Amino acid sequence: MSKVLITGITSGQGKLVARKLLNRTQHYDVVGVDIHPWDDRPRGVTMTMADVRKRKFEDVIRRERPDVIIHLGSVRHFKAHPSLRHEVNVNGTRRLLDFAVAHGVKQVLVVSSSYVYGALPENPYYMDEAFPLNSSRTYPEMRDLAEMDMLATAYLWHYPDITISVLRPTNVLGAHVRTAIGRYLRAEYVPTVMGFNPMMQFLHEDDMAEAIVLAIEREARGAFNVVGPGAVPLLTAIEEVGSTALPLPEIAVRSAISTLFRWGFYAFPPRAIDFAKYQCTLDGTRFREATGFEPRFALAEIFAAVRP
C-alpha cells in the first residue's frame, strides 16, 4: 500500500486524480489537503483542511507520513492579488518541498503548465523540456508559476534521493476542471487578434489525471511536457467548442482587455493575448517514453466536453 497526499484535492483535477488512484489495481491510501471541504468524498479518501503556507500543513505530513505528495494546491486564476499568488505558488511550494525532505517523502509531483515557456514569435513548432522558460519576458503575471517550476527542478538536482516530477501539461479541458483556456473558449464571443491563428494543443482532464498517476507509478524523475492527441488552429478550437471568434485589431484587444481586467470584468491580464498570437506547442516524447502515456481522448471528444 502506498499513501498519497494530494494538495488542492477539492479542485476538479484533484478529485479526478483521487478517484483514479482509488480505482487502480494497486491499492492507494489517499489523503487530501485543501482549504475547502470535500463533504461527499469517496470512501478511501481522508481529508484535512489546511493551508500549505501554515504550520498545520507540516503537522499533516508528520502525522500521515505519505510516500508521495501530488501538489495541485497552487493559484492559477488572476483574481488573486499577485502577492498572494507568489506566497502560495512559490513560498508554499518551497515549504512543501522542505517538509518532504525533512519527513522522508519518497516522491513529489508538482503540476506546472505549458504556459511557463511563454508565447513568443521565435518559438519553434514543438519545444522540448530543455527549452528555456520565457514566460516572464512578456507575461509578468506568470512569473510566480515559472518560479514554482524552476524551484521544483532545483530541488530535483539538490535532493537525488527524492523522486521529483514536474509536469508541464498543455491546455487542459473538461467538464470538471476550471482552467484559463476553458473560460476563454466558453465565452459566447471569443476575442482574437486579427491576422493571427496560432496552433494550439489540448488535453482532456481525464488524460491529465492518468498522466499524473502514471508519473507516480513509473517514478518518472525530472521535468516533462504532457501533450494531448494533436494540435489545431485557435479559430478551429473556438468553432469546435461552439463559440464565435471575434477578430479585432491588436491595439483594440489589448486596450479593451486591460480596462476590463483592471475593473474585474475579465479574467485574464492583457499579456495573455500573446497566446492568441504566437504558438506555444510542446514535444511530449520524453514523457511518453518514460511512462508509456498515450492520450485516450481525441480532439473532438475534448471539445465536446466543454461545449455550453
Protein backbone atom coordinates (compact mmCIF):
# COMPACT_ATOMS: atom_id res chain seq x y z
CA MET A 1 0.00 0.00 0.00
CA SER A 2 1.25 3.49 -0.89
CA LYS A 3 -0.03 6.59 0.84
CA VAL A 4 -0.55 9.58 -1.46
CA LEU A 5 -1.18 13.09 -0.17
CA ILE A 6 -2.87 15.46 -2.64
CA THR A 7 -2.86 19.20 -2.06
CA GLY A 8 -5.72 21.06 -3.72
CA ILE A 9 -7.75 17.86 -3.71
CA THR A 10 -11.12 19.65 -3.93
CA SER A 11 -10.24 21.14 -7.32
CA GLY A 12 -11.73 19.41 -10.33
CA GLN A 13 -8.37 17.89 -11.24
CA GLY A 14 -7.68 16.89 -7.64
CA LYS A 15 -10.94 14.94 -7.40
CA LEU A 16 -10.26 13.18 -10.70
CA VAL A 17 -6.78 12.13 -9.57
CA ALA A 18 -8.08 10.89 -6.22
CA ARG A 19 -10.76 8.74 -7.86
CA LYS A 20 -8.31 7.37 -10.41
CA LEU A 21 -5.94 6.32 -7.62
CA LEU A 22 -8.77 4.56 -5.79
CA ASN A 23 -9.68 2.62 -8.95
CA ARG A 24 -6.14 1.39 -9.56
CA THR A 25 -5.27 -2.31 -9.17
CA GLN A 26 -2.53 -1.26 -6.78
CA HIS A 27 -4.13 -0.04 -3.56
CA TYR A 28 -3.54 3.58 -2.60
CA ASP A 29 -4.37 5.28 0.66
CA VAL A 30 -5.37 8.82 -0.37
CA VAL A 31 -5.06 11.81 1.95
CA GLY A 32 -6.47 15.13 0.83
CA VAL A 33 -5.36 18.59 1.95
CA ASP A 34 -7.22 21.73 0.95
CA ILE A 35 -8.60 24.97 2.37
CA HIS A 36 -12.06 23.84 1.21
CA PRO A 37 -14.02 20.78 2.44
CA TRP A 38 -14.96 17.77 0.31
CA ASP A 39 -18.10 16.56 2.03
CA ASP A 40 -19.10 13.88 -0.49
CA ARG A 41 -15.62 12.45 -0.96
CA PRO A 42 -15.48 8.73 -1.79
CA ARG A 43 -14.62 6.06 0.73
CA GLY A 44 -10.86 5.63 0.91
CA VAL A 45 -10.09 9.37 0.98
CA THR A 46 -9.34 11.08 4.28
CA MET A 47 -9.42 14.86 4.37
CA THR A 48 -7.70 17.59 6.37
CA MET A 49 -8.39 21.28 5.92
CA ALA A 50 -5.04 23.07 5.93
CA ASP A 51 -3.13 25.77 4.06
CA VAL A 52 0.25 24.83 2.55
CA ARG A 53 1.63 28.07 3.96
CA LYS A 54 0.68 27.27 7.57
CA ARG A 55 2.26 25.15 10.27
CA LYS A 56 -0.74 22.80 10.28
CA PHE A 57 0.30 21.53 6.85
CA GLU A 58 3.59 20.22 8.20
CA ASP A 59 1.67 18.59 11.04
CA VAL A 60 -0.37 16.68 8.43
CA ILE A 61 2.79 15.41 6.71
CA ARG A 62 4.33 14.46 10.05
CA ARG A 63 1.20 12.59 11.12
CA GLU A 64 0.32 10.89 7.81
CA ARG A 65 3.88 10.19 6.61
CA PRO A 66 2.93 9.95 2.92
CA ASP A 67 5.06 8.11 0.40
CA VAL A 68 4.03 10.53 -2.36
CA ILE A 69 2.83 14.15 -2.47
CA ILE A 70 0.92 15.42 -5.51
CA HIS A 71 0.98 19.21 -5.45
CA LEU A 72 -2.13 20.65 -7.10
CA GLY A 73 -2.68 23.36 -4.49
CA SER A 74 -1.43 26.34 -6.48
CA VAL A 75 -3.27 29.51 -7.52
CA ARG A 76 -3.87 29.65 -11.28
CA HIS A 77 -6.51 32.36 -11.63
CA PHE A 78 -5.68 36.07 -11.78
CA LYS A 79 -8.38 37.28 -9.43
CA ALA A 80 -5.95 36.77 -6.56
CA HIS A 81 -3.51 39.57 -5.72
CA PRO A 82 -0.03 38.98 -7.20
CA SER A 83 1.49 38.84 -3.71
CA LEU A 84 -0.91 36.04 -2.75
CA ARG A 85 -0.11 34.11 -5.92
CA HIS A 86 3.60 34.41 -5.14
CA GLU A 87 3.12 33.44 -1.50
CA VAL A 88 1.12 30.31 -2.35
CA ASN A 89 2.81 29.22 -5.56
CA VAL A 90 6.44 29.94 -4.71
CA ASN A 91 6.78 30.08 -0.94
CA GLY A 92 4.10 27.44 -0.40
CA THR A 93 5.83 25.07 -2.82
CA ARG A 94 9.19 25.71 -1.16
CA ARG A 95 7.73 24.82 2.23
CA LEU A 96 6.13 21.69 0.80
CA LEU A 97 9.44 20.55 -0.70
CA ASP A 98 11.31 21.29 2.54
CA PHE A 99 8.76 19.27 4.52
CA ALA A 100 9.09 16.40 2.04
CA VAL A 101 12.85 16.36 2.54
CA ALA A 102 12.56 16.58 6.32
CA HIS A 103 9.95 13.83 6.68
CA GLY A 104 11.22 11.21 4.27
CA VAL A 105 8.69 11.55 1.44
CA LYS A 106 9.79 9.34 -1.46
CA GLN A 107 8.25 11.25 -4.36
CA VAL A 108 6.86 14.73 -5.00
CA LEU A 109 4.93 15.60 -8.14
CA VAL A 110 4.40 19.28 -8.99
CA VAL A 111 1.94 20.26 -11.72
CA SER A 112 3.24 23.25 -13.67
CA SER A 113 1.96 24.45 -17.08
CA SER A 114 2.95 24.74 -20.72
CA TYR A 115 2.49 28.49 -20.26
CA VAL A 116 5.85 28.74 -18.47
CA TYR A 117 7.56 28.54 -21.89
CA GLY A 118 5.87 31.75 -22.97
CA ALA A 119 4.21 32.73 -26.25
CA LEU A 120 6.87 34.37 -28.42
CA PRO A 121 7.22 34.87 -32.18
CA GLU A 122 10.51 32.92 -32.23
CA ASN A 123 9.05 29.80 -30.58
CA PRO A 124 9.77 26.62 -32.58
CA TYR A 125 6.88 24.38 -33.55
CA TYR A 126 7.50 21.86 -30.77
CA MET A 127 9.51 22.76 -27.68
CA ASP A 128 11.13 20.06 -25.57
CA GLU A 129 11.93 20.25 -21.85
CA ALA A 130 15.33 21.86 -22.47
CA PHE A 131 13.73 24.97 -23.94
CA PRO A 132 14.04 27.99 -21.62
CA LEU A 133 11.07 29.14 -19.54
CA ASN A 134 10.48 32.51 -21.18
CA SER A 135 7.02 33.46 -19.92
CA SER A 136 8.34 36.18 -17.60
CA ARG A 137 9.83 38.09 -20.54
CA THR A 138 6.45 39.18 -21.86
CA TYR A 139 3.93 37.89 -19.31
CA PRO A 140 4.99 39.08 -15.83
CA GLU A 141 1.79 37.77 -14.26
CA MET A 142 3.10 34.23 -14.94
CA ARG A 143 6.37 34.81 -13.10
CA ASP A 144 5.26 33.02 -9.93
CA LEU A 145 4.30 29.87 -11.86
CA ALA A 146 7.64 29.85 -13.69
CA GLU A 147 9.44 30.34 -10.36
CA MET A 148 7.49 27.44 -8.86
CA ASP A 149 8.54 25.24 -11.77
CA MET A 150 12.20 26.25 -11.53
CA LEU A 151 12.16 25.80 -7.75
CA ALA A 152 10.94 22.22 -8.11
CA THR A 153 13.56 21.42 -10.74
CA ALA A 154 16.27 22.91 -8.47
CA TYR A 155 15.22 20.56 -5.65
CA LEU A 156 15.29 17.74 -8.18
CA TRP A 157 19.06 18.12 -8.51
CA HIS A 158 19.79 19.06 -4.90
CA TYR A 159 17.97 16.04 -3.44
CA PRO A 160 18.60 12.99 -5.65
CA ASP A 161 17.13 10.65 -3.01
CA ILE A 162 13.63 12.07 -3.67
CA THR A 163 11.92 11.41 -6.99
CA ILE A 164 10.69 14.85 -8.04
CA SER A 165 8.41 15.04 -11.05
CA VAL A 166 7.41 18.31 -12.73
CA LEU A 167 4.61 18.04 -15.28
CA ARG A 168 4.01 20.80 -17.82
CA PRO A 169 0.67 19.99 -19.43
CA THR A 170 -0.76 21.72 -22.46
CA ASN A 171 -4.23 23.26 -22.30
CA VAL A 172 -6.43 21.02 -20.13
CA LEU A 173 -10.16 20.98 -20.89
CA GLY A 174 -13.07 19.06 -19.42
CA ALA A 175 -16.35 19.25 -17.57
CA HIS A 176 -14.78 19.34 -14.11
CA VAL A 177 -11.61 21.41 -14.35
CA ARG A 178 -11.69 25.21 -14.33
CA THR A 179 -8.79 26.43 -16.46
CA ALA A 180 -7.97 29.77 -18.06
CA ILE A 181 -8.24 28.37 -21.58
CA GLY A 182 -11.60 26.80 -20.74
CA ARG A 183 -13.02 30.12 -19.57
CA TYR A 184 -11.63 31.81 -22.65
CA LEU A 185 -13.12 29.34 -25.12
CA ARG A 186 -16.50 29.11 -23.40
CA ALA A 187 -17.29 32.79 -23.92
CA GLU A 188 -20.09 33.41 -26.44
CA TYR A 189 -17.78 35.75 -28.36
CA VAL A 190 -14.06 34.98 -28.07
CA PRO A 191 -11.73 37.94 -28.77
CA THR A 192 -8.83 37.08 -31.05
CA VAL A 193 -6.09 39.13 -32.68
CA MET A 194 -6.84 39.93 -36.31
CA GLY A 195 -4.38 38.24 -38.64
CA PHE A 196 -3.20 35.60 -36.12
CA ASN A 197 -4.31 31.99 -35.77
CA PRO A 198 -1.70 30.04 -33.75
CA MET A 199 -1.62 26.28 -33.43
CA MET A 200 -2.73 25.07 -30.00
CA GLN A 201 -2.67 21.74 -28.14
CA PHE A 202 -5.37 20.39 -25.83
CA LEU A 203 -5.54 17.60 -23.27
CA HIS A 204 -8.63 16.01 -21.72
CA GLU A 205 -8.91 16.31 -17.93
CA ASP A 206 -9.10 12.53 -17.53
CA ASP A 207 -5.94 12.05 -19.60
CA MET A 208 -4.23 14.60 -17.36
CA ALA A 209 -5.28 12.62 -14.28
CA GLU A 210 -3.93 9.46 -15.91
CA ALA A 211 -0.63 11.22 -16.67
CA ILE A 212 -0.25 12.20 -13.01
CA VAL A 213 -0.89 8.65 -11.79
CA LEU A 214 1.46 7.16 -14.41
CA ALA A 215 4.22 9.56 -13.36
CA ILE A 216 3.86 8.25 -9.81
CA GLU A 217 3.71 4.59 -10.75
CA ARG A 218 6.68 4.79 -13.14
CA GLU A 219 8.62 7.04 -10.72
CA ALA A 220 9.29 9.49 -13.52
CA ARG A 221 12.08 11.78 -12.31
CA GLY A 222 12.53 15.15 -13.99
CA ALA A 223 10.53 17.74 -15.90
CA PHE A 224 8.10 16.51 -18.53
CA ASN A 225 5.82 18.01 -21.16
CA VAL A 226 2.40 16.34 -21.22
CA VAL A 227 0.56 16.70 -24.52
CA GLY A 228 -2.74 15.54 -25.97
CA PRO A 229 -3.69 13.99 -29.32
CA GLY A 230 -2.57 16.80 -31.64
CA ALA A 231 -2.67 20.50 -32.46
CA VAL A 232 -5.32 22.66 -34.15
CA PRO A 233 -5.53 26.36 -35.04
CA LEU A 234 -7.09 28.56 -32.38
CA LEU A 235 -10.00 29.56 -34.64
CA THR A 236 -10.79 25.88 -35.21
CA ALA A 237 -10.83 25.25 -31.46
CA ILE A 238 -13.22 28.16 -30.92
CA GLU A 239 -15.56 26.84 -33.61
CA GLU A 240 -15.42 23.26 -32.28
CA VAL A 241 -16.35 24.39 -28.78
CA GLY A 242 -19.38 26.15 -30.21
CA SER A 243 -18.29 29.74 -29.63
CA THR A 244 -17.82 32.58 -32.10
CA ALA A 245 -14.43 34.16 -32.77
CA LEU A 246 -14.34 37.95 -32.62
CA PRO A 247 -11.22 39.07 -34.55
CA LEU A 248 -10.12 42.57 -33.55
CA PRO A 249 -7.06 44.75 -34.20
CA GLU A 250 -4.41 44.04 -31.57
CA ILE A 251 -4.47 47.55 -30.13
CA ALA A 252 -8.23 47.28 -29.61
CA VAL A 253 -7.97 43.83 -27.98
CA ARG A 254 -5.24 44.88 -25.57
CA SER A 255 -6.92 48.14 -24.66
CA ALA A 256 -10.30 46.50 -24.02
CA ILE A 257 -8.86 43.60 -22.03
CA SER A 258 -6.65 45.92 -19.98
CA THR A 259 -9.64 48.04 -18.97
CA LEU A 260 -11.92 45.08 -18.28
CA PHE A 261 -9.24 43.26 -16.29
CA ARG A 262 -8.45 46.32 -14.21
CA TRP A 263 -12.12 46.67 -13.26
CA GLY A 264 -12.56 42.96 -12.56
CA PHE A 265 -14.83 42.21 -15.53
CA TYR A 266 -12.38 39.97 -17.42
CA ALA A 267 -10.43 37.01 -16.04
CA PHE A 268 -7.15 37.48 -17.92
CA PRO A 269 -4.50 40.21 -17.97
CA PRO A 270 -3.77 41.86 -21.34
CA ARG A 271 -0.46 40.00 -21.74
CA ALA A 272 -2.40 36.74 -22.03
CA ILE A 273 -3.41 37.78 -25.54
CA ASP A 274 0.10 36.76 -26.71
CA PHE A 275 -1.10 33.15 -26.53
CA ALA A 276 -3.74 34.08 -29.12
CA LYS A 277 -0.94 35.37 -31.39
CA TYR A 278 2.02 33.01 -31.08
CA GLN A 279 2.17 29.27 -30.75
CA CYS A 280 3.31 27.51 -27.58
CA THR A 281 3.30 23.88 -28.72
CA LEU A 282 5.25 21.18 -26.91
CA ASP A 283 7.05 17.93 -27.69
CA GLY A 284 5.75 15.19 -25.37
CA THR A 285 8.19 12.45 -26.46
CA ARG A 286 10.13 12.36 -23.20
CA PHE A 287 7.08 11.77 -21.02
CA ARG A 288 5.69 9.16 -23.41
CA GLU A 289 8.98 7.24 -23.34
CA ALA A 290 9.28 7.47 -19.55
CA THR A 291 5.74 6.38 -18.71
CA GLY A 292 4.10 4.88 -21.80
CA PHE A 293 1.46 7.63 -21.67
CA GLU A 294 -0.89 7.84 -24.63
CA PRO A 295 -3.94 10.16 -24.57
CA ARG A 296 -7.25 8.27 -24.87
CA PHE A 297 -9.47 11.22 -25.81
CA ALA A 298 -9.48 12.61 -29.34
CA LEU A 299 -9.72 16.34 -30.00
CA ALA A 300 -13.40 16.06 -30.94
CA GLU A 301 -14.14 14.46 -27.56
CA ILE A 302 -12.13 17.11 -25.73
CA PHE A 303 -14.05 19.97 -27.35
CA ALA A 304 -17.38 18.20 -26.81
CA ALA A 305 -16.63 18.02 -23.08
CA VAL A 306 -16.65 21.83 -22.75
CA ARG A 307 -19.44 22.87 -25.09
CA PRO A 308 -22.04 25.07 -23.33
